[in-house]
């Protein structure tokens, strides 16, 4: 596994999830849109991982940075919408 490829895939997971975290904060919890905001970014991440030929060892990195992207996106959304 190349470190640069892992960096780009993990960064992409973060950047893809960040706006979904912002959108998710404005939706009702456990609604369809809320569910889609959490699960929709997973599809392109899996596609990119398979396209680059990386195996399952990158999954913990992409999950971790996806969660971080959702979390920081929600924090940013709360700050943005409160002002």
Protein backbone atom coordinates (compact mmCIF):
# COMPACT_ATOMS: atom_id res chain seq x y z
CA UNK A 1 0.00 0.00 0.00
CA UNK A 2 1.45 3.34 -1.02
CA UNK A 3 1.27 6.03 1.66
CA UNK A 4 0.44 8.75 -0.86
CA UNK A 5 -2.52 6.81 -2.24
CA UNK A 6 -3.75 6.15 1.28
CA UNK A 7 -3.42 9.86 2.05
CA UNK A 8 -5.44 10.89 -1.00
CA UNK A 9 -8.19 8.31 -0.43
CA UNK A 10 -8.49 9.19 3.26
CA UNK A 11 -8.46 12.93 2.50
CA UNK A 12 -11.12 12.36 -0.12
CA UNK A 13 -13.25 10.53 2.44
CA UNK A 14 -12.90 13.48 4.81
CA UNK A 15 -13.65 16.11 2.15
CA UNK A 16 -16.61 14.14 0.83
CA UNK A 17 -18.18 13.76 4.28
CA UNK A 18 -17.60 17.32 5.48
CA UNK A 19 -20.46 18.96 3.50
CA UNK A 20 -22.74 16.05 4.35
CA UNK A 21 -22.07 16.77 8.02
CA UNK A 22 -23.16 20.36 7.45
CA UNK A 23 -26.35 19.24 5.69
CA UNK A 24 -27.05 16.56 8.30
CA UNK A 25 -27.23 19.10 11.13
CA UNK A 26 -30.20 20.84 9.46
CA UNK A 27 -32.26 17.65 9.17
CA UNK A 28 -34.41 15.83 11.69
CA UNK A 29 -32.55 12.98 13.37
CA UNK A 30 -33.27 9.51 11.92
CA UNK A 31 -35.14 10.97 8.92
CA UNK A 32 -34.48 9.76 5.37
CA UNK A 33 -32.30 12.77 4.53
CA UNK A 34 -30.31 12.30 7.76
CA UNK A 35 -29.78 8.62 6.86
CA UNK A 36 -28.70 9.52 3.32
CA UNK A 37 -26.27 12.17 4.58
CA UNK A 38 -24.49 9.51 6.58
CA UNK A 39 -24.55 6.63 4.09
CA UNK A 40 -24.44 8.27 0.63
CA UNK A 41 -20.73 9.25 0.78
CA UNK A 42 -19.78 5.62 1.42
CA UNK A 43 -20.58 4.58 -2.17
CA UNK A 44 -17.96 6.77 -3.92
CA UNK A 45 -15.37 5.92 -1.26
CA UNK A 46 -15.84 2.19 -1.92
CA UNK A 47 -15.77 2.79 -5.68
CA UNK A 48 -12.51 4.77 -5.48
CA UNK A 49 -10.94 2.17 -3.20
CA UNK A 50 -11.79 -0.61 -5.65
CA UNK A 51 -10.72 1.50 -8.64
CA UNK A 52 -7.28 2.09 -7.15
CA UNK A 53 -6.92 -1.58 -6.26
CA UNK A 54 -6.44 -1.06 -2.54
CA UNK A 55 -7.42 -3.89 -0.23
CA UNK A 56 -9.37 -3.89 3.01
CA UNK A 57 -6.52 -2.51 5.12
CA UNK A 58 -7.45 1.06 4.16
CA UNK A 59 -11.00 0.75 5.50
CA UNK A 60 -10.16 1.82 9.09
CA UNK A 61 -8.48 4.98 7.77
CA UNK A 62 -11.37 5.90 5.50
CA UNK A 63 -13.96 5.19 8.19
CA UNK A 64 -12.02 7.24 10.74
CA UNK A 65 -11.65 10.23 8.47
CA UNK A 66 -15.25 9.91 7.27
CA UNK A 67 -16.45 10.12 10.86
CA UNK A 68 -14.12 13.06 11.47
CA UNK A 69 -15.48 14.80 8.36
CA UNK A 70 -19.07 14.30 9.53
CA UNK A 71 -18.21 15.51 13.04
CA UNK A 72 -16.30 18.62 11.95
CA UNK A 73 -18.89 19.36 9.28
CA UNK A 74 -21.64 19.27 11.91
CA UNK A 75 -19.59 21.52 14.21
CA UNK A 76 -19.03 23.97 11.36
CA UNK A 77 -22.72 23.84 10.44
CA UNK A 78 -23.79 24.60 14.01
CA UNK A 79 -21.39 27.54 14.12
CA UNK A 80 -22.38 28.75 10.66
CA UNK A 81 -26.15 28.54 11.18
CA UNK A 82 -26.08 30.02 14.68
CA UNK A 83 -24.56 33.32 13.55
